[in-house]
Amino acid sequence: MQGIAVMLSVYVGGLSGGLFSAALLGIPGTPSSVATTFDAFPMARQGNPGKALSLGLFASFVGSIISIAVLIVAAPPLALLAVKLGPWEYFALIIFALTVIASLVGDSLIRG
């Protein structure tokens, strides 16, 4: 349990750490901090780097707490449903996923 807690904290710290380069340099350190670049970097250039970093860390904390709560509530029912899936349900899920991807890529199916 301690090993899982350490790995989880390193993962969350790494994702939250990408915020610093996104806010201060305008270069997202992780894919999850791309949206932070749009708001925090201009705020830091206007002379408010501390406020930009604190808002980003606060938003990261609140998002983590909400996602943990949703995971705690949603995981047990989803696990019960996943155990009941058979080959035809997996086939239907794969066809559905491919259909969603094909509808989202637009003109270039090769990129999708």
PDB file of N, CA and C in Angstrom:
ATOM      1  N   MET A   1       0.825  -1.195   0.000  1.00  0.00           N
ATOM      2  CA  MET A   1       0.000   0.000   0.000  1.00  0.00           C
ATOM      3  C   MET A   1       0.870   1.261   0.000  1.00  0.00           C
ATOM      4  N   GLN A   2       1.987   1.202   0.726  1.00  0.00           N
ATOM      5  CA  GLN A   2       2.855   2.380   0.766  1.00  0.00           C
ATOM      6  C   GLN A   2       3.487   2.639  -0.590  1.00  0.00           C
ATOM      7  N   GLY A   3       3.837   1.570  -1.297  1.00  0.00           N
ATOM      8  CA  GLY A   3       4.422   1.733  -2.628  1.00  0.00           C
ATOM      9  C   GLY A   3       3.445   2.368  -3.602  1.00  0.00           C
ATOM     10  N   ILE A   4       2.179   1.959  -3.541  1.00  0.00           N
ATOM     11  CA  ILE A   4       1.159   2.544  -4.411  1.00  0.00           C
ATOM     12  C   ILE A   4       0.952   4.011  -4.064  1.00  0.00           C
ATOM     13  N   ALA A   5       0.967   4.321  -2.774  1.00  0.00           N
ATOM     14  CA  ALA A   5       0.800   5.715  -2.351  1.00  0.00           C
ATOM     15  C   ALA A   5       1.961   6.574  -2.845  1.00  0.00           C
ATOM     16  N   VAL A   6       3.170   6.035  -2.797  1.00  0.00           N
ATOM     17  CA  VAL A   6       4.336   6.783  -3.286  1.00  0.00           C
ATOM     18  C   VAL A   6       4.257   6.982  -4.791  1.00  0.00           C
ATOM     19  N   MET A   7       3.895   5.929  -5.526  1.00  0.00           N
ATOM     20  CA  MET A   7       3.790   6.066  -6.984  1.00  0.00           C
ATOM     21  C   MET A   7       2.702   7.061  -7.361  1.00  0.00           C
ATOM     22  N   LEU A   8       1.579   7.033  -6.659  1.00  0.00           N
ATOM     23  CA  LEU A   8       0.497   7.973  -6.937  1.00  0.00           C
ATOM     24  C   LEU A   8       0.920   9.404  -6.631  1.00  0.00           C
ATOM     25  N   SER A   9       1.622   9.598  -5.542  1.00  0.00           N
ATOM     26  CA  SER A   9       2.046  10.958  -5.201  1.00  0.00           C
ATOM     27  C   SER A   9       3.101  11.476  -6.169  1.00  0.00           C
ATOM     28  N   VAL A  10       3.986  10.620  -6.664  1.00  0.00           N
ATOM     29  CA  VAL A  10       4.961  11.043  -7.673  1.00  0.00           C
ATOM     30  C   VAL A  10       4.251  11.405  -8.972  1.00  0.00           C
ATOM     31  N   TYR A  11       3.244  10.633  -9.335  1.00  0.00           N
ATOM     32  CA  TYR A  11       2.478  10.917 -10.556  1.00  0.00           C
ATOM     33  C   TYR A  11       1.750  12.257 -10.451  1.00  0.00           C
ATOM     34  N   VAL A  12       1.049  12.474  -9.348  1.00  0.00           N
ATOM     35  CA  VAL A  12       0.313  13.730  -9.159  1.00  0.00           C
ATOM     36  C   VAL A  12       1.285  14.902  -9.060  1.00  0.00           C
ATOM     37  N   GLY A  13       2.402  14.702  -8.383  1.00  0.00           N
ATOM     38  CA  GLY A  13       3.405  15.762  -8.306  1.00  0.00           C
ATOM     39  C   GLY A  13       4.002  16.099  -9.652  1.00  0.00           C
ATOM     40  N   GLY A  14       4.220  15.097 -10.475  1.00  0.00           N
ATOM     41  CA  GLY A  14       4.736  15.349 -11.816  1.00  0.00           C
ATOM     42  C   GLY A  14       3.747  16.097 -12.690  1.00  0.00           C
ATOM     43  N   LEU A  15       2.490  15.717 -12.603  1.00  0.00           N
ATOM     44  CA  LEU A  15       1.473  16.418 -13.387  1.00  0.00           C
ATOM     45  C   LEU A  15       1.296  17.854 -12.908  1.00  0.00           C
ATOM     46  N   SER A  16       1.305  18.037 -11.598  1.00  0.00           N
ATOM     47  CA  SER A  16       1.168  19.393 -11.065  1.00  0.00           C
ATOM     48  C   SER A  16       2.434  20.199 -11.304  1.00  0.00           C
ATOM     49  N   GLY A  17       3.576  19.539 -11.364  1.00  0.00           N
ATOM     50  CA  GLY A  17       4.835  20.236 -11.617  1.00  0.00           C
ATOM     51  C   GLY A  17       4.923  20.825 -13.007  1.00  0.00           C
ATOM     52  N   GLY A  18       4.192  20.251 -13.969  1.00  0.00           N
ATOM     53  CA  GLY A  18       4.162  20.813 -15.315  1.00  0.00           C
ATOM     54  C   GLY A  18       3.536  22.190 -15.353  1.00  0.00           C
ATOM     55  N   LEU A  19       2.827  22.524 -14.301  1.00  0.00           N
ATOM     56  CA  LEU A  19       2.205  23.837 -14.186  1.00  0.00           C
ATOM     57  C   LEU A  19       3.236  24.955 -14.107  1.00  0.00           C
ATOM     58  N   PHE A  20       4.357  24.708 -13.454  1.00  0.00           N
ATOM     59  CA  PHE A  20       5.344  25.762 -13.235  1.00  0.00           C
ATOM     60  C   PHE A  20       5.953  26.252 -14.542  1.00  0.00           C
ATOM     61  N   SER A  21       6.362  25.324 -15.408  1.00  0.00           N
ATOM     62  CA  SER A  21       6.918  25.765 -16.688  1.00  0.00           C
ATOM     63  C   SER A  21       5.836  26.357 -17.584  1.00  0.00           C
ATOM     64  N   ALA A  22       4.605  25.877 -17.467  1.00  0.00           N
ATOM     65  CA  ALA A  22       3.512  26.436 -18.271  1.00  0.00           C
ATOM     66  C   ALA A  22       3.218  27.864 -17.861  1.00  0.00           C
ATOM     67  N   ALA A  23       3.234  28.135 -16.577  1.00  0.00           N
ATOM     68  CA  ALA A  23       2.889  29.476 -16.093  1.00  0.00           C
ATOM     69  C   ALA A  23       4.044  30.451 -16.258  1.00  0.00           C
ATOM     70  N   LEU A  24       5.253  30.008 -15.990  1.00  0.00           N
ATOM     71  CA  LEU A  24       6.373  30.934 -15.971  1.00  0.00           C
ATOM     72  C   LEU A  24       7.103  31.077 -17.302  1.00  0.00           C
ATOM     73  N   LEU A  25       7.125  29.997 -18.107  1.00  0.00           N
ATOM     74  CA  LEU A  25       7.849  30.036 -19.375  1.00  0.00           C
ATOM     75  C   LEU A  25       6.945  29.982 -20.603  1.00  0.00           C
ATOM     76  N   GLY A  26       5.696  29.613 -20.409  1.00  0.00           N
ATOM     77  CA  GLY A  26       4.782  29.468 -21.539  1.00  0.00           C
ATOM     78  C   GLY A  26       4.976  28.157 -22.272  1.00  0.00           C
ATOM     79  N   ILE A  27       5.690  27.207 -21.644  1.00  0.00           N
ATOM     80  CA  ILE A  27       5.949  25.896 -22.233  1.00  0.00           C
ATOM     81  C   ILE A  27       5.331  24.852 -21.315  1.00  0.00           C
ATOM     82  N   PRO A  28       4.278  24.169 -21.745  1.00  0.00           N
ATOM     83  CA  PRO A  28       3.657  23.186 -20.855  1.00  0.00           C
ATOM     84  C   PRO A  28       4.611  22.032 -20.567  1.00  0.00           C
ATOM     85  N   GLY A  29       4.792  21.723 -19.304  1.00  0.00           N
ATOM     86  CA  GLY A  29       5.677  20.637 -18.918  1.00  0.00           C
ATOM     87  C   GLY A  29       5.038  19.275 -19.086  1.00  0.00           C
ATOM     88  N   THR A  30       3.733  19.211 -19.040  1.00  0.00           N
ATOM     89  CA  THR A  30       2.987  17.969 -19.231  1.00  0.00           C
ATOM     90  C   THR A  30       1.780  18.274 -20.116  1.00  0.00           C
ATOM     91  N   PRO A  31       1.223  17.251 -20.763  1.00  0.00           N
ATOM     92  CA  PRO A  31       0.037  17.499 -21.595  1.00  0.00           C
ATOM     93  C   PRO A  31      -1.136  18.070 -20.809  1.00  0.00           C
ATOM     94  N   SER A  32      -1.229  17.753 -19.535  1.00  0.00           N
ATOM     95  CA  SER A  32      -2.350  18.251 -18.744  1.00  0.00           C
ATOM     96  C   SER A  32      -2.227  19.736 -18.416  1.00  0.00           C
ATOM     97  N   SER A  33      -1.070  20.331 -18.644  1.00  0.00           N
ATOM     98  CA  SER A  33      -0.901  21.749 -18.323  1.00  0.00           C
ATOM     99  C   SER A  33      -0.946  22.650 -19.551  1.00  0.00           C
ATOM    100  N   VAL A  34      -1.407  22.130 -20.674  1.00  0.00           N
ATOM    101  CA  VAL A  34      -1.517  22.952 -21.882  1.00  0.00           C
ATOM    102  C   VAL A  34      -2.527  24.076 -21.678  1.00  0.00           C
ATOM    103  N   ALA A  35      -3.673  23.768 -21.106  1.00  0.00           N
ATOM    104  CA  ALA A  35      -4.699  24.790 -20.889  1.00  0.00           C
ATOM    105  C   ALA A  35      -4.222  25.839 -19.895  1.00  0.00           C
ATOM    106  N   THR A  36      -3.361  25.457 -18.969  1.00  0.00           N
ATOM    107  CA  THR A  36      -2.817  26.408 -18.000  1.00  0.00           C
ATOM    108  C   THR A  36      -1.971  27.461 -18.703  1.00  0.00           C
ATOM    109  N   THR A  37      -1.320  27.069 -19.779  1.00  0.00           N
ATOM    110  CA  THR A  37      -0.472  28.006 -20.525  1.00  0.00           C
ATOM    111  C   THR A  37      -1.285  29.175 -21.067  1.00  0.00           C
ATOM    112  N   PHE A  38      -2.515  28.919 -21.460  1.00  0.00           N
ATOM    113  CA  PHE A  38      -3.333  29.964 -22.073  1.00  0.00           C
ATOM    114  C   PHE A  38      -3.677  31.087 -21.095  1.00  0.00           C
ATOM    115  N   ASP A  39      -3.880  30.756 -19.836  1.00  0.00           N
ATOM    116  CA  ASP A  39      -4.281  31.766 -18.856  1.00  0.00           C
ATOM    117  C   ASP A  39      -3.150  32.194 -17.926  1.00  0.00           C
ATOM    118  N   ALA A  40      -2.363  31.232 -17.457  1.00  0.00           N
ATOM    119  CA  ALA A  40      -1.357  31.546 -16.437  1.00  0.00           C
ATOM    120  C   ALA A  40      -0.150  32.282 -17.006  1.00  0.00           C
ATOM    121  N   PHE A  41       0.277  31.942 -18.220  1.00  0.00           N
ATOM    122  CA  PHE A  41       1.444  32.615 -18.775  1.00  0.00           C
ATOM    123  C   PHE A  41       1.203  34.105 -19.010  1.00  0.00           C
ATOM    124  N   PRO A  42       0.062  34.515 -19.613  1.00  0.00           N
ATOM    125  CA  PRO A  42      -0.190  35.959 -19.708  1.00  0.00           C
ATOM    126  C   PRO A  42      -0.311  36.633 -18.348  1.00  0.00           C
ATOM    127  N   MET A  43      -0.875  35.927 -17.366  1.00  0.00           N
ATOM    128  CA  MET A  43      -0.984  36.498 -16.030  1.00  0.00           C
ATOM    129  C   MET A  43       0.402  36.699 -15.415  1.00  0.00           C
ATOM    130  N   ALA A  44       1.300  35.746 -15.639  1.00  0.00           N
ATOM    131  CA  ALA A  44       2.661  35.870 -15.112  1.00  0.00           C
ATOM    132  C   ALA A  44       3.420  36.996 -15.814  1.00  0.00           C
ATOM    133  N   ARG A  45       3.182  37.187 -17.101  1.00  0.00           N
ATOM    134  CA  ARG A  45       3.848  38.269 -17.833  1.00  0.00           C
ATOM    135  C   ARG A  45       3.344  39.637 -17.409  1.00  0.00           C
ATOM    136  N   GLN A  46       2.133  39.708 -16.884  1.00  0.00           N
ATOM    137  CA  GLN A  46       1.582  40.980 -16.406  1.00  0.00           C
ATOM    138  C   GLN A  46       2.050  41.317 -15.003  1.00  0.00           C
ATOM    139  N   GLY A  47       2.863  40.446 -14.408  1.00  0.00           N
ATOM    140  CA  GLY A  47       3.413  40.736 -13.093  1.00  0.00           C
ATOM    141  C   GLY A  47       2.766  39.994 -11.943  1.00  0.00           C
ATOM    142  N   ASN A  48       2.001  38.969 -12.225  1.00  0.00           N
ATOM    143  CA  ASN A  48       1.334  38.201 -11.171  1.00  0.00           C
ATOM    144  C   ASN A  48       1.720  36.719 -11.230  1.00  0.00           C
ATOM    145  N   PRO A  49       3.007  36.379 -11.200  1.00  0.00           N
ATOM    146  CA  PRO A  49       3.351  34.948 -11.295  1.00  0.00           C
ATOM    147  C   PRO A  49       2.912  34.150 -10.073  1.00  0.00           C
ATOM    148  N   GLY A  50       2.948  34.749  -8.895  1.00  0.00           N
ATOM    149  CA  GLY A  50       2.521  34.042  -7.690  1.00  0.00           C
ATOM    150  C   GLY A  50       1.041  33.710  -7.716  1.00  0.00           C
ATOM    151  N   LYS A  51       0.256  34.653  -8.184  1.00  0.00           N
ATOM    152  CA  LYS A  51      -1.186  34.418  -8.278  1.00  0.00           C
ATOM    153  C   LYS A  51      -1.487  33.354  -9.321  1.00  0.00           C
ATOM    154  N   ALA A  52      -0.759  33.383 -10.443  1.00  0.00           N
ATOM    155  CA  ALA A  52      -0.978  32.384 -11.493  1.00  0.00           C
ATOM    156  C   ALA A  52      -0.637  30.985 -10.988  1.00  0.00           C
ATOM    157  N   LEU A  53       0.475  30.864 -10.280  1.00  0.00           N
ATOM    158  CA  LEU A  53       0.863  29.555  -9.749  1.00  0.00           C
ATOM    159  C   LEU A  53      -0.091  29.078  -8.668  1.00  0.00           C
ATOM    160  N   SER A  54      -0.501  29.972  -7.790  1.00  0.00           N
ATOM    161  CA  SER A  54      -1.400  29.556  -6.711  1.00  0.00           C
ATOM    162  C   SER A  54      -2.769  29.154  -7.249  1.00  0.00           C
ATOM    163  N   LEU A  55      -3.278  29.872  -8.234  1.00  0.00           N
ATOM    164  CA  LEU A  55      -4.561  29.484  -8.833  1.00  0.00           C
ATOM    165  C   LEU A  55      -4.446  28.146  -9.551  1.00  0.00           C
ATOM    166  N   GLY A  56      -3.335  27.934 -10.244  1.00  0.00           N
ATOM    167  CA  GLY A  56      -3.139  26.665 -10.938  1.00  0.00           C
ATOM    168  C   GLY A  56      -3.027  25.495  -9.976  1.00  0.00           C
ATOM    169  N   LEU A  57      -2.286  25.664  -8.896  1.00  0.00           N
ATOM    170  CA  LEU A  57      -2.160  24.593  -7.910  1.00  0.00           C
ATOM    171  C   LEU A  57      -3.485  24.341  -7.195  1.00  0.00           C
ATOM    172  N   PHE A  58      -4.227  25.402  -6.911  1.00  0.00           N
ATOM    173  CA  PHE A  58      -5.537  25.237  -6.283  1.00  0.00           C
ATOM    174  C   PHE A  58      -6.488  24.472  -7.209  1.00  0.00           C
ATOM    175  N   ALA A  59      -6.495  24.838  -8.490  1.00  0.00           N
ATOM    176  CA  ALA A  59      -7.359  24.147  -9.447  1.00  0.00           C
ATOM    177  C   ALA A  59      -6.948  22.684  -9.590  1.00  0.00           C
ATOM    178  N   SER A  60      -5.648  22.420  -9.567  1.00  0.00           N
ATOM    179  CA  SER A  60      -5.167  21.044  -9.644  1.00  0.00           C
ATOM    180  C   SER A  60      -5.611  20.248  -8.420  1.00  0.00           C
ATOM    181  N   PHE A  61      -5.531  20.857  -7.249  1.00  0.00           N
ATOM    182  CA  PHE A  61      -5.954  20.190  -6.018  1.00  0.00           C
ATOM    183  C   PHE A  61      -7.450  19.898  -6.035  1.00  0.00           C
ATOM    184  N   VAL A  62      -8.253  20.890  -6.404  1.00  0.00           N
ATOM    185  CA  VAL A  62      -9.705  20.701  -6.426  1.00  0.00           C
ATOM    186  C   VAL A  62     -10.097  19.641  -7.459  1.00  0.00           C
ATOM    187  N   GLY A  63      -9.462  19.676  -8.627  1.00  0.00           N
ATOM    188  CA  GLY A  63      -9.743  18.668  -9.640  1.00  0.00           C
ATOM    189  C   GLY A  63      -9.372  17.271  -9.182  1.00  0.00           C
ATOM    190  N   SER A  64      -8.261  17.146  -8.463  1.00  0.00           N
ATOM    191  CA  SER A  64      -7.857  15.838  -7.936  1.00  0.00           C
ATOM    192  C   SER A  64      -8.857  15.329  -6.908  1.00  0.00           C
ATOM    193  N   ILE A  65      -9.316  16.203  -6.026  1.00  0.00           N
ATOM    194  CA  ILE A  65     -10.282  15.785  -5.000  1.00  0.00           C
ATOM    195  C   ILE A  65     -11.599  15.353  -5.645  1.00  0.00           C
ATOM    196  N   ILE A  66     -12.060  16.105  -6.627  1.00  0.00           N
ATOM    197  CA  ILE A  66     -13.312  15.746  -7.309  1.00  0.00           C
ATOM    198  C   ILE A  66     -13.167  14.423  -8.050  1.00  0.00           C
ATOM    199  N   SER A  67     -12.039  14.244  -8.753  1.00  0.00           N
ATOM    200  CA  SER A  67     -11.858  13.005  -9.503  1.00  0.00           C
ATOM    201  C   SER A  67     -11.717  11.801  -8.581  1.00  0.00           C
ATOM    202  N   ILE A  68     -11.098  11.971  -7.427  1.00  0.00           N
ATOM    203  CA  ILE A  68     -11.005  10.870  -6.457  1.00  0.00           C
ATOM    204  C   ILE A  68     -12.395  10.513  -5.941  1.00  0.00           C
ATOM    205  N   ALA A  69     -13.215  11.517  -5.654  1.00  0.00           N
ATOM    206  CA  ALA A  69     -14.575  11.253  -5.180  1.00  0.00           C
ATOM    207  C   ALA A  69     -15.398  10.526  -6.235  1.00  0.00           C
ATOM    208  N   VAL A  70     -15.275  10.951  -7.482  1.00  0.00           N
ATOM    209  CA  VAL A  70     -16.013  10.281  -8.565  1.00  0.00           C
ATOM    210  C   VAL A  70     -15.520   8.851  -8.731  1.00  0.00           C
ATOM    211  N   LEU A  71     -14.213   8.643  -8.622  1.00  0.00           N
ATOM    212  CA  LEU A  71     -13.662   7.294  -8.737  1.00  0.00           C
ATOM    213  C   LEU A  71     -14.160   6.398  -7.618  1.00  0.00           C
ATOM    214  N   ILE A  72     -14.211   6.903  -6.399  1.00  0.00           N
ATOM    215  CA  ILE A  72     -14.687   6.108  -5.269  1.00  0.00           C
ATOM    216  C   ILE A  72     -16.145   5.711  -5.466  1.00  0.00           C
ATOM    217  N   VAL A  73     -16.953   6.618  -6.009  1.00  0.00           N
ATOM    218  CA  VAL A  73     -18.374   6.342  -6.205  1.00  0.00           C
ATOM    219  C   VAL A  73     -18.613   5.460  -7.427  1.00  0.00           C
ATOM    220  N   ALA A  74     -17.881   5.697  -8.511  1.00  0.00           N
ATOM    221  CA  ALA A  74     -18.191   5.031  -9.775  1.00  0.00           C
ATOM    222  C   ALA A  74     -17.470   3.706  -9.988  1.00  0.00           C
ATOM    223  N   ALA A  75     -16.362   3.474  -9.321  1.00  0.00           N
ATOM    224  CA  ALA A  75     -15.577   2.268  -9.582  1.00  0.00           C
ATOM    225  C   ALA A  75     -16.297   0.963  -9.232  1.00  0.00           C
ATOM    226  N   PRO A  76     -16.912   0.831  -8.069  1.00  0.00           N
ATOM    227  CA  PRO A  76     -17.558  -0.455  -7.766  1.00  0.00           C
ATOM    228  C   PRO A  76     -18.676  -0.853  -8.746  1.00  0.00           C
ATOM    229  N   PRO A  77     -19.595   0.056  -9.115  1.00  0.00           N
ATOM    230  CA  PRO A  77     -20.609  -0.361 -10.087  1.00  0.00           C
ATOM    231  C   PRO A  77     -20.018  -0.680 -11.462  1.00  0.00           C
ATOM    232  N   LEU A  78     -19.004   0.076 -11.875  1.00  0.00           N
ATOM    233  CA  LEU A  78     -18.385  -0.212 -13.161  1.00  0.00           C
ATOM    234  C   LEU A  78     -17.651  -1.546 -13.148  1.00  0.00           C
ATOM    235  N   ALA A  79     -17.048  -1.891 -12.028  1.00  0.00           N
ATOM    236  CA  ALA A  79     -16.367  -3.179 -11.917  1.00  0.00           C
ATOM    237  C   ALA A  79     -17.368  -4.331 -12.006  1.00  0.00           C
ATOM    238  N   LEU A  80     -18.512  -4.171 -11.359  1.00  0.00           N
ATOM    239  CA  LEU A  80     -19.546  -5.209 -11.450  1.00  0.00           C
ATOM    240  C   LEU A  80     -20.054  -5.359 -12.876  1.00  0.00           C
ATOM    241  N   LEU A  81     -20.186  -4.255 -13.575  1.00  0.00           N
ATOM    242  CA  LEU A  81     -20.631  -4.304 -14.971  1.00  0.00           C
ATOM    243  C   LEU A  81     -19.565  -4.918 -15.870  1.00  0.00           C
ATOM    244  N   ALA A  82     -18.306  -4.597 -15.645  1.00  0.00           N
ATOM    245  CA  ALA A  82     -17.222  -5.099 -16.493  1.00  0.00           C
ATOM    246  C   ALA A  82     -17.068  -6.607 -16.369  1.00  0.00           C
ATOM    247  N   VAL A  83     -17.348  -7.158 -15.193  1.00  0.00           N
ATOM    248  CA  VAL A  83     -17.226  -8.604 -15.002  1.00  0.00           C
ATOM    249  C   VAL A  83     -18.273  -9.346 -15.831  1.00  0.00           C
ATOM    250  N   LYS A  84     -19.409  -8.720 -16.061  1.00  0.00           N
ATOM    251  CA  LYS A  84     -20.505  -9.365 -16.795  1.00  0.00           C
ATOM    252  C   LYS A  84     -20.366  -9.277 -18.308  1.00  0.00           C
ATOM    253  N   LEU A  85     -19.380  -8.507 -18.816  1.00  0.00           N
ATOM    254  CA  LEU A  85     -19.237  -8.348 -20.252  1.00  0.00           C
ATOM    255  C   LEU A  85     -18.710  -9.627 -20.896  1.00  0.00           C
ATOM    256  N   GLY A  86     -19.303  -9.961 -22.032  1.00  0.00           N
ATOM    257  CA  GLY A  86     -18.859 -11.113 -22.797  1.00  0.00           C
ATOM    258  C   GLY A  86     -18.241 -10.673 -24.116  1.00  0.00           C
ATOM    259  N   PRO A  87     -17.957 -11.620 -25.004  1.00  0.00           N
ATOM    260  CA  PRO A  87     -17.304 -11.286 -26.276  1.00  0.00           C
ATOM    261  C   PRO A  87     -18.134 -10.347 -27.156  1.00  0.00           C
ATOM    262  N   TRP A  88     -19.448 -10.502 -27.165  1.00  0.00           N
ATOM    263  CA  TRP A  88     -20.271  -9.646 -28.021  1.00  0.00           C
ATOM    264  C   TRP A  88     -20.320  -8.214 -27.501  1.00  0.00           C
ATOM    265  N   GLU A  89     -20.299  -8.056 -26.204  1.00  0.00           N
ATOM    266  CA  GLU A  89     -20.283  -6.698 -25.635  1.00  0.00           C
ATOM    267  C   GLU A  89     -18.955  -6.005 -25.926  1.00  0.00           C
ATOM    268  N   TYR A  90     -17.847  -6.762 -25.824  1.00  0.00           N
ATOM    269  CA  TYR A  90     -16.549  -6.181 -26.177  1.00  0.00           C
ATOM    270  C   TYR A  90     -16.510  -5.786 -27.650  1.00  0.00           C
ATOM    271  N   PHE A  91     -17.069  -6.631 -28.498  1.00  0.00           N
ATOM    272  CA  PHE A  91     -17.132  -6.326 -29.929  1.00  0.00           C
ATOM    273  C   PHE A  91     -17.945  -5.053 -30.170  1.00  0.00           C
ATOM    274  N   ALA A  92     -19.071  -4.922 -29.500  1.00  0.00           N
ATOM    275  CA  ALA A  92     -19.897  -3.721 -29.654  1.00  0.00           C
ATOM    276  C   ALA A  92     -19.178  -2.478 -29.149  1.00  0.00           C
ATOM    277  N   LEU A  93     -18.452  -2.604 -28.045  1.00  0.00           N
ATOM    278  CA  LEU A  93     -17.683  -1.465 -27.529  1.00  0.00           C
ATOM    279  C   LEU A  93     -16.587  -1.042 -28.499  1.00  0.00           C
ATOM    280  N   ILE A  94     -15.916  -1.993 -29.096  1.00  0.00           N
ATOM    281  CA  ILE A  94     -14.852  -1.677 -30.058  1.00  0.00           C
ATOM    282  C   ILE A  94     -15.428  -1.002 -31.297  1.00  0.00           C
ATOM    283  N   ILE A  95     -16.542  -1.507 -31.806  1.00  0.00           N
ATOM    284  CA  ILE A  95     -17.185  -0.882 -32.972  1.00  0.00           C
ATOM    285  C   ILE A  95     -17.641   0.534 -32.625  1.00  0.00           C
ATOM    286  N   PHE A  96     -18.191   0.704 -31.434  1.00  0.00           N
ATOM    287  CA  PHE A  96     -18.616   2.030 -30.996  1.00  0.00           C
ATOM    288  C   PHE A  96     -17.430   2.982 -30.909  1.00  0.00           C
ATOM    289  N   ALA A  97     -16.319   2.527 -30.337  1.00  0.00           N
ATOM    290  CA  ALA A  97     -15.126   3.370 -30.219  1.00  0.00           C
ATOM    291  C   ALA A  97     -14.577   3.750 -31.587  1.00  0.00           C
ATOM    292  N   LEU A  98     -14.537   2.802 -32.498  1.00  0.00           N
ATOM    293  CA  LEU A  98     -14.055   3.111 -33.849  1.00  0.00           C
ATOM    294  C   LEU A  98     -14.981   4.087 -34.559  1.00  0.00           C
ATOM    295  N   THR A  99     -16.266   3.966 -34.326  1.00  0.00           N
ATOM    296  CA  THR A  99     -17.224   4.895 -34.931  1.00  0.00           C
ATOM    297  C   THR A  99     -17.033   6.301 -34.378  1.00  0.00           C
ATOM    298  N   VAL A 100     -16.829   6.416 -33.088  1.00  0.00           N
ATOM    299  CA  VAL A 100     -16.600   7.729 -32.476  1.00  0.00           C
ATOM    300  C   VAL A 100     -15.320   8.345 -33.021  1.00  0.00           C
ATOM    301  N   ILE A 101     -14.255   7.562 -33.120  1.00  0.00           N
ATOM    302  CA  ILE A 101     -12.988   8.077 -33.656  1.00  0.00           C
ATOM    303  C   ILE A 101     -13.158   8.510 -35.099  1.00  0.00           C
ATOM    304  N   ALA A 102     -13.838   7.707 -35.898  1.00  0.00           N
ATOM    305  CA  ALA A 102     -14.039   8.056 -37.308  1.00  0.00           C
ATOM    306  C   ALA A 102     -14.883   9.312 -37.459  1.00  0.00           C
ATOM    307  N   SER A 103     -15.818   9.538 -36.554  1.00  0.00           N
ATOM    308  CA  SER A 103     -16.643  10.734 -36.666  1.00  0.00           C
ATOM    309  C   SER A 103     -15.908  11.984 -36.198  1.00  0.00           C
ATOM    310  N   LEU A 104     -14.907  11.830 -35.330  1.00  0.00           N
ATOM    311  CA  LEU A 104     -14.198  12.987 -34.802  1.00  0.00           C
ATOM    312  C   LEU A 104     -13.026  13.438 -35.666  1.00  0.00           C
ATOM    313  N   VAL A 105     -12.464  12.548 -36.492  1.00  0.00           N
ATOM    314  CA  VAL A 105     -11.262  12.929 -37.243  1.00  0.00           C
ATOM    315  C   VAL A 105     -11.570  13.823 -38.434  1.00  0.00           C
ATOM    316  N   GLY A 106     -12.770  13.794 -38.906  1.00  0.00           N
ATOM    317  CA  GLY A 106     -13.115  14.662 -40.030  1.00  0.00           C
ATOM    318  C   GLY A 106     -12.661  14.101 -41.355  1.00  0.00           C
ATOM    319  N   ASP A 107     -11.893  14.889 -42.121  1.00  0.00           N
ATOM    320  CA  ASP A 107     -11.511  14.510 -43.471  1.00  0.00           C
ATOM    321  C   ASP A 107     -10.368  13.505 -43.525  1.00  0.00           C
ATOM    322  N   SER A 108      -9.432  13.552 -42.601  1.00  0.00           N
ATOM    323  CA  SER A 108      -8.243  12.714 -42.671  1.00  0.00           C
ATOM    324  C   SER A 108      -8.389  11.485 -41.771  1.00  0.00           C
ATOM    325  N   LEU A 109      -8.780  10.372 -42.366  1.00  0.00           N
ATOM    326  CA  LEU A 109      -8.905   9.136 -41.595  1.00  0.00           C
ATOM    327  C   LEU A 109      -7.545   8.546 -41.235  1.00  0.00           C
ATOM    328  N   ILE A 110      -6.503   8.867 -42.011  1.00  0.00           N
ATOM    329  CA  ILE A 110      -5.167   8.355 -41.720  1.00  0.00           C
ATOM    330  C   ILE A 110      -4.670   8.897 -40.370  1.00  0.00           C
ATOM    331  N   ARG A 111      -4.864  10.180 -40.110  1.00  0.00           N
ATOM    332  CA  ARG A 111      -4.450  10.749 -38.829  1.00  0.00           C
ATOM    333  C   ARG A 111      -5.243  10.168 -37.676  1.00  0.00           C
ATOM    334  N   GLY A 112      -6.487   9.870 -37.891  1.00  0.00           N
ATOM    335  CA  GLY A 112      -7.331   9.305 -36.823  1.00  0.00           C
ATOM    336  C   GLY A 112      -6.918   7.911 -36.478  1.00  0.00           C
TER     337      GLY A 112
END
